[in-house]
């Protein structure tokens, strides 16, 4: 895990918000794992979440100090670059909406270069 993360193909970088609170993670849909980490998975879909070709996965460690963020295929096993295909523009829009929501909840913040 790293303090600053970048989604495959994206130019933006994100880090955990200094104002991060446990209840914000729970409200946003993060699930606590057996090891104490917090996982978040959201399908990136246009029509049906059951047919989503990709999904956003975030993991925050139990100390709430490190973050991983990746867009994967449907199975969650392979990284996918949704920014290189123009047909995936609606998927990128949905990703932007989710990231904006996580920023508004003070879970992540964009890193300025």
N, C-alpha and C. Protein backbone atom coordinates (compact mmCIF):
# COMPACT_ATOMS: atom_id res chain seq x y z
N UNK A 1 0.84 -1.18 0.00
CA UNK A 1 0.00 0.00 0.00
C UNK A 1 0.88 1.24 0.00
N UNK A 2 0.33 2.33 -0.46
CA UNK A 2 1.11 3.56 -0.57
C UNK A 2 0.30 4.72 -0.01
N UNK A 3 1.01 5.80 0.32
CA UNK A 3 0.34 6.99 0.81
C UNK A 3 -0.33 7.76 -0.32
N UNK A 4 0.26 7.74 -1.52
CA UNK A 4 -0.30 8.42 -2.68
C UNK A 4 -0.52 7.38 -3.76
N UNK A 5 -1.74 7.35 -4.32
CA UNK A 5 -2.06 6.35 -5.33
C UNK A 5 -2.55 7.02 -6.61
N UNK A 6 -2.41 6.27 -7.70
CA UNK A 6 -2.85 6.73 -9.01
C UNK A 6 -3.52 5.55 -9.71
N UNK A 7 -4.71 5.76 -10.22
CA UNK A 7 -5.41 4.71 -10.94
C UNK A 7 -4.73 4.52 -12.29
N UNK A 8 -4.61 3.26 -12.72
CA UNK A 8 -3.96 2.92 -13.98
C UNK A 8 -4.54 3.73 -15.14
N UNK A 9 -3.71 4.58 -15.76
CA UNK A 9 -4.11 5.38 -16.90
C UNK A 9 -4.60 6.78 -16.56
N UNK A 10 -4.85 7.06 -15.29
CA UNK A 10 -5.35 8.37 -14.86
C UNK A 10 -4.16 9.28 -14.53
N UNK A 11 -4.35 10.57 -14.72
CA UNK A 11 -3.28 11.52 -14.40
C UNK A 11 -3.41 12.06 -12.99
N UNK A 12 -4.56 11.88 -12.37
CA UNK A 12 -4.77 12.39 -11.00
C UNK A 12 -4.17 11.44 -9.98
N UNK A 13 -3.80 12.01 -8.85
CA UNK A 13 -3.28 11.22 -7.73
C UNK A 13 -4.13 11.52 -6.51
N UNK A 14 -4.28 10.51 -5.66
CA UNK A 14 -5.10 10.66 -4.46
C UNK A 14 -4.36 10.14 -3.24
N UNK A 15 -4.75 10.66 -2.09
CA UNK A 15 -4.24 10.19 -0.82
C UNK A 15 -5.39 10.21 0.17
N UNK A 16 -5.17 9.62 1.34
CA UNK A 16 -6.20 9.64 2.37
C UNK A 16 -6.36 11.04 2.94
N UNK A 17 -7.58 11.39 3.25
CA UNK A 17 -7.86 12.69 3.84
C UNK A 17 -7.32 12.73 5.27
N UNK A 18 -6.74 13.86 5.68
CA UNK A 18 -6.30 13.98 7.07
C UNK A 18 -7.49 14.01 8.04
N UNK A 19 -8.70 14.28 7.51
CA UNK A 19 -9.91 14.33 8.33
C UNK A 19 -10.69 13.02 8.30
N UNK A 20 -10.06 11.93 7.86
CA UNK A 20 -10.73 10.64 7.71
C UNK A 20 -11.25 10.14 9.06
N UNK A 21 -12.53 9.72 9.07
CA UNK A 21 -13.17 9.18 10.27
C UNK A 21 -13.73 7.79 9.95
N UNK A 22 -13.75 6.93 10.96
CA UNK A 22 -14.24 5.57 10.79
C UNK A 22 -15.69 5.56 10.30
N UNK A 23 -16.53 6.40 10.87
CA UNK A 23 -17.94 6.38 10.48
C UNK A 23 -18.13 6.79 9.02
N UNK A 24 -17.23 7.62 8.48
CA UNK A 24 -17.33 8.00 7.07
C UNK A 24 -17.09 6.79 6.17
N UNK A 25 -16.16 5.92 6.57
CA UNK A 25 -15.90 4.70 5.80
C UNK A 25 -17.13 3.80 5.80
N UNK A 26 -17.72 3.64 6.95
CA UNK A 26 -18.90 2.78 7.07
C UNK A 26 -20.07 3.35 6.27
N UNK A 27 -20.27 4.67 6.37
CA UNK A 27 -21.36 5.32 5.62
C UNK A 27 -21.16 5.19 4.11
N UNK A 28 -19.93 5.19 3.66
CA UNK A 28 -19.64 5.11 2.22
C UNK A 28 -19.72 3.69 1.68
N UNK A 29 -19.81 2.70 2.56
CA UNK A 29 -19.93 1.32 2.11
C UNK A 29 -18.68 0.48 2.24
N UNK A 30 -17.69 0.96 2.97
CA UNK A 30 -16.50 0.16 3.21
C UNK A 30 -16.85 -0.97 4.17
N UNK A 31 -16.22 -2.12 3.97
CA UNK A 31 -16.46 -3.29 4.79
C UNK A 31 -15.17 -3.66 5.50
N UNK A 32 -15.27 -3.91 6.80
CA UNK A 32 -14.09 -4.28 7.58
C UNK A 32 -13.77 -5.76 7.35
N UNK A 33 -12.50 -6.04 7.05
CA UNK A 33 -12.07 -7.41 6.79
C UNK A 33 -11.68 -8.09 8.10
N UNK A 34 -11.39 -9.38 8.03
CA UNK A 34 -10.97 -10.13 9.20
C UNK A 34 -9.65 -9.59 9.77
N UNK A 35 -8.80 -9.04 8.90
CA UNK A 35 -7.52 -8.49 9.35
C UNK A 35 -7.65 -7.05 9.86
N UNK A 36 -8.84 -6.47 9.76
CA UNK A 36 -9.05 -5.12 10.27
C UNK A 36 -8.95 -4.03 9.21
N UNK A 37 -8.61 -4.40 7.98
CA UNK A 37 -8.56 -3.41 6.90
C UNK A 37 -9.98 -3.08 6.44
N UNK A 38 -10.10 -2.04 5.63
CA UNK A 38 -11.40 -1.63 5.11
C UNK A 38 -11.39 -1.74 3.59
N UNK A 39 -12.32 -2.52 3.04
CA UNK A 39 -12.41 -2.73 1.60
C UNK A 39 -13.65 -2.05 1.04
N UNK A 40 -13.51 -1.54 -0.19
CA UNK A 40 -14.63 -0.92 -0.90
C UNK A 40 -14.57 -1.40 -2.34
N UNK A 41 -15.67 -1.94 -2.82
CA UNK A 41 -15.76 -2.36 -4.22
C UNK A 41 -17.03 -1.77 -4.80
N UNK A 42 -16.90 -1.18 -5.99
CA UNK A 42 -18.06 -0.61 -6.66
C UNK A 42 -17.99 -0.96 -8.13
N UNK A 43 -19.02 -1.65 -8.66
CA UNK A 43 -19.02 -1.95 -10.10
C UNK A 43 -19.15 -0.67 -10.91
N UNK A 44 -18.40 -0.60 -12.00
CA UNK A 44 -18.47 0.54 -12.92
C UNK A 44 -19.28 0.07 -14.12
N UNK A 45 -20.54 0.48 -14.17
CA UNK A 45 -21.47 -0.04 -15.16
C UNK A 45 -22.27 1.08 -15.80
N UNK A 46 -22.85 0.79 -16.94
CA UNK A 46 -23.72 1.74 -17.62
C UNK A 46 -25.18 1.36 -17.45
N UNK A 47 -25.50 0.08 -17.62
CA UNK A 47 -26.89 -0.35 -17.58
C UNK A 47 -27.20 -1.16 -16.33
N UNK A 48 -26.47 -2.22 -16.11
CA UNK A 48 -26.75 -3.13 -15.00
C UNK A 48 -25.48 -3.40 -14.20
N UNK A 49 -25.53 -3.30 -12.87
CA UNK A 49 -24.34 -3.60 -12.07
C UNK A 49 -23.93 -5.06 -12.15
N UNK A 50 -24.86 -5.92 -12.57
CA UNK A 50 -24.56 -7.35 -12.65
C UNK A 50 -23.74 -7.69 -13.90
N UNK A 51 -23.78 -6.82 -14.90
CA UNK A 51 -23.02 -7.05 -16.12
C UNK A 51 -21.82 -6.11 -16.24
N UNK A 52 -21.44 -5.48 -15.15
CA UNK A 52 -20.35 -4.50 -15.18
C UNK A 52 -19.04 -5.17 -15.59
N UNK A 53 -18.39 -4.61 -16.62
CA UNK A 53 -17.12 -5.20 -17.07
C UNK A 53 -15.94 -4.84 -16.16
N UNK A 54 -16.08 -3.77 -15.38
CA UNK A 54 -14.99 -3.32 -14.50
C UNK A 54 -15.54 -2.93 -13.14
N UNK A 55 -14.62 -2.83 -12.17
CA UNK A 55 -15.03 -2.34 -10.85
C UNK A 55 -13.88 -1.59 -10.19
N UNK A 56 -14.25 -0.66 -9.34
CA UNK A 56 -13.29 0.11 -8.56
C UNK A 56 -13.09 -0.59 -7.23
N UNK A 57 -11.83 -0.80 -6.86
CA UNK A 57 -11.51 -1.44 -5.58
C UNK A 57 -10.59 -0.52 -4.78
N UNK A 58 -10.96 -0.26 -3.54
CA UNK A 58 -10.13 0.52 -2.62
C UNK A 58 -9.89 -0.30 -1.37
N UNK A 59 -8.72 -0.19 -0.81
CA UNK A 59 -8.41 -0.81 0.48
C UNK A 59 -7.68 0.22 1.33
N UNK A 60 -8.14 0.38 2.56
CA UNK A 60 -7.50 1.25 3.54
C UNK A 60 -7.07 0.36 4.69
N UNK A 61 -5.81 0.49 5.12
CA UNK A 61 -5.32 -0.38 6.19
C UNK A 61 -5.98 -0.03 7.52
N UNK A 62 -5.83 -0.93 8.50
CA UNK A 62 -6.53 -0.77 9.78
C UNK A 62 -6.09 0.46 10.56
N UNK A 63 -4.87 0.96 10.31
CA UNK A 63 -4.41 2.18 10.98
C UNK A 63 -4.93 3.43 10.26
N UNK A 64 -5.61 3.22 9.13
CA UNK A 64 -6.13 4.31 8.28
C UNK A 64 -5.01 5.26 7.87
N UNK A 65 -3.88 4.66 7.46
CA UNK A 65 -2.74 5.47 7.04
C UNK A 65 -2.28 5.17 5.61
N UNK A 66 -2.70 4.05 5.05
CA UNK A 66 -2.30 3.67 3.69
C UNK A 66 -3.50 3.27 2.86
N UNK A 67 -3.41 3.56 1.56
CA UNK A 67 -4.51 3.37 0.63
C UNK A 67 -4.03 2.66 -0.62
N UNK A 68 -4.85 1.75 -1.15
CA UNK A 68 -4.66 1.23 -2.50
C UNK A 68 -5.95 1.49 -3.26
N UNK A 69 -5.82 1.78 -4.56
CA UNK A 69 -6.97 2.07 -5.40
C UNK A 69 -6.67 1.54 -6.79
N UNK A 70 -7.59 0.74 -7.34
CA UNK A 70 -7.37 0.14 -8.64
C UNK A 70 -8.71 -0.11 -9.33
N UNK A 71 -8.71 -0.01 -10.66
CA UNK A 71 -9.86 -0.43 -11.47
C UNK A 71 -9.48 -1.78 -12.04
N UNK A 72 -10.36 -2.78 -11.80
CA UNK A 72 -10.07 -4.15 -12.22
C UNK A 72 -11.15 -4.66 -13.17
N UNK A 73 -10.88 -5.85 -13.71
CA UNK A 73 -11.90 -6.51 -14.53
C UNK A 73 -13.02 -7.02 -13.62
N UNK A 74 -13.99 -7.66 -14.21
CA UNK A 74 -15.17 -8.13 -13.48
C UNK A 74 -14.81 -9.04 -12.31
N UNK A 75 -13.79 -9.88 -12.49
CA UNK A 75 -13.38 -10.82 -11.44
C UNK A 75 -12.52 -10.18 -10.37
N UNK A 76 -12.02 -8.98 -10.63
CA UNK A 76 -11.17 -8.31 -9.66
C UNK A 76 -9.74 -8.78 -9.66
N UNK A 77 -9.33 -9.48 -10.70
CA UNK A 77 -8.00 -10.07 -10.73
C UNK A 77 -6.99 -9.30 -11.58
N UNK A 78 -7.47 -8.55 -12.56
CA UNK A 78 -6.57 -7.91 -13.52
C UNK A 78 -6.84 -6.42 -13.59
N UNK A 79 -5.78 -5.60 -13.56
CA UNK A 79 -5.93 -4.15 -13.69
C UNK A 79 -6.42 -3.80 -15.09
N UNK A 80 -7.29 -2.78 -15.16
CA UNK A 80 -7.84 -2.34 -16.43
C UNK A 80 -7.63 -0.83 -16.55
N UNK A 81 -7.24 -0.40 -17.75
CA UNK A 81 -7.09 1.03 -18.03
C UNK A 81 -8.33 1.49 -18.79
N UNK A 82 -9.26 2.15 -18.09
CA UNK A 82 -10.50 2.59 -18.72
C UNK A 82 -10.34 3.93 -19.44
N UNK A 83 -9.17 4.55 -19.31
CA UNK A 83 -8.94 5.87 -19.90
C UNK A 83 -8.47 5.82 -21.35
N UNK A 84 -8.02 4.66 -21.82
CA UNK A 84 -7.47 4.60 -23.17
C UNK A 84 -8.51 4.28 -24.24
N UNK A 85 -9.73 3.90 -23.85
CA UNK A 85 -10.77 3.54 -24.80
C UNK A 85 -11.88 4.57 -24.75
N UNK A 86 -12.12 5.25 -25.85
CA UNK A 86 -13.13 6.31 -25.92
C UNK A 86 -14.54 5.78 -25.66
N UNK A 87 -14.78 4.51 -25.96
CA UNK A 87 -16.10 3.92 -25.72
C UNK A 87 -16.39 3.77 -24.23
N UNK A 88 -15.39 3.84 -23.40
CA UNK A 88 -15.56 3.70 -21.95
C UNK A 88 -15.74 5.06 -21.26
N UNK A 89 -16.01 6.12 -22.02
CA UNK A 89 -16.21 7.45 -21.44
C UNK A 89 -17.29 7.46 -20.36
N UNK A 90 -18.43 6.77 -20.54
CA UNK A 90 -19.43 6.74 -19.46
C UNK A 90 -18.90 6.06 -18.19
N UNK A 91 -18.02 5.08 -18.36
CA UNK A 91 -17.41 4.41 -17.20
C UNK A 91 -16.50 5.38 -16.47
N UNK A 92 -15.74 6.17 -17.21
CA UNK A 92 -14.87 7.18 -16.61
C UNK A 92 -15.72 8.22 -15.86
N UNK A 93 -16.86 8.59 -16.44
CA UNK A 93 -17.76 9.54 -15.78
C UNK A 93 -18.25 8.99 -14.45
N UNK A 94 -18.63 7.72 -14.43
CA UNK A 94 -19.08 7.09 -13.19
C UNK A 94 -17.95 7.04 -12.16
N UNK A 95 -16.74 6.71 -12.60
CA UNK A 95 -15.58 6.71 -11.71
C UNK A 95 -15.37 8.09 -11.12
N UNK A 96 -15.45 9.12 -11.95
CA UNK A 96 -15.28 10.50 -11.46
C UNK A 96 -16.32 10.83 -10.41
N UNK A 97 -17.56 10.39 -10.63
CA UNK A 97 -18.64 10.65 -9.67
C UNK A 97 -18.35 9.97 -8.33
N UNK A 98 -17.89 8.71 -8.37
CA UNK A 98 -17.58 7.97 -7.14
C UNK A 98 -16.42 8.63 -6.40
N UNK A 99 -15.37 9.01 -7.13
CA UNK A 99 -14.21 9.64 -6.50
C UNK A 99 -14.60 10.99 -5.88
N UNK A 100 -15.46 11.74 -6.56
CA UNK A 100 -15.93 13.02 -6.03
C UNK A 100 -16.72 12.79 -4.73
N UNK A 101 -17.55 11.75 -4.72
CA UNK A 101 -18.32 11.42 -3.51
C UNK A 101 -17.38 11.06 -2.36
N UNK A 102 -16.34 10.28 -2.63
CA UNK A 102 -15.38 9.91 -1.59
C UNK A 102 -14.61 11.13 -1.09
N UNK A 103 -14.35 12.09 -1.99
CA UNK A 103 -13.70 13.34 -1.57
C UNK A 103 -14.62 14.17 -0.68
N UNK A 104 -15.90 14.25 -1.05
CA UNK A 104 -16.86 15.02 -0.26
C UNK A 104 -17.08 14.42 1.12
N UNK A 105 -16.88 13.12 1.25
CA UNK A 105 -17.03 12.44 2.55
C UNK A 105 -15.73 12.49 3.37
N UNK A 106 -14.72 13.22 2.86
CA UNK A 106 -13.42 13.35 3.53
C UNK A 106 -12.73 12.01 3.73
N UNK A 107 -12.83 11.14 2.71
CA UNK A 107 -12.13 9.86 2.75
C UNK A 107 -10.83 9.97 1.96
N UNK A 108 -10.91 10.54 0.77
CA UNK A 108 -9.70 10.77 -0.04
C UNK A 108 -9.62 12.24 -0.42
N UNK A 109 -8.44 12.66 -0.80
CA UNK A 109 -8.23 14.02 -1.33
C UNK A 109 -7.32 13.91 -2.54
N UNK A 110 -7.54 14.80 -3.51
CA UNK A 110 -6.68 14.84 -4.69
C UNK A 110 -5.36 15.49 -4.30
N UNK A 111 -4.28 14.95 -4.85
CA UNK A 111 -2.94 15.49 -4.57
C UNK A 111 -2.58 16.44 -5.70
N UNK A 112 -2.22 17.64 -5.35
CA UNK A 112 -1.78 18.62 -6.35
C UNK A 112 -0.29 18.45 -6.59
N UNK A 113 0.10 18.41 -7.85
CA UNK A 113 1.53 18.26 -8.17
C UNK A 113 2.31 19.52 -7.92
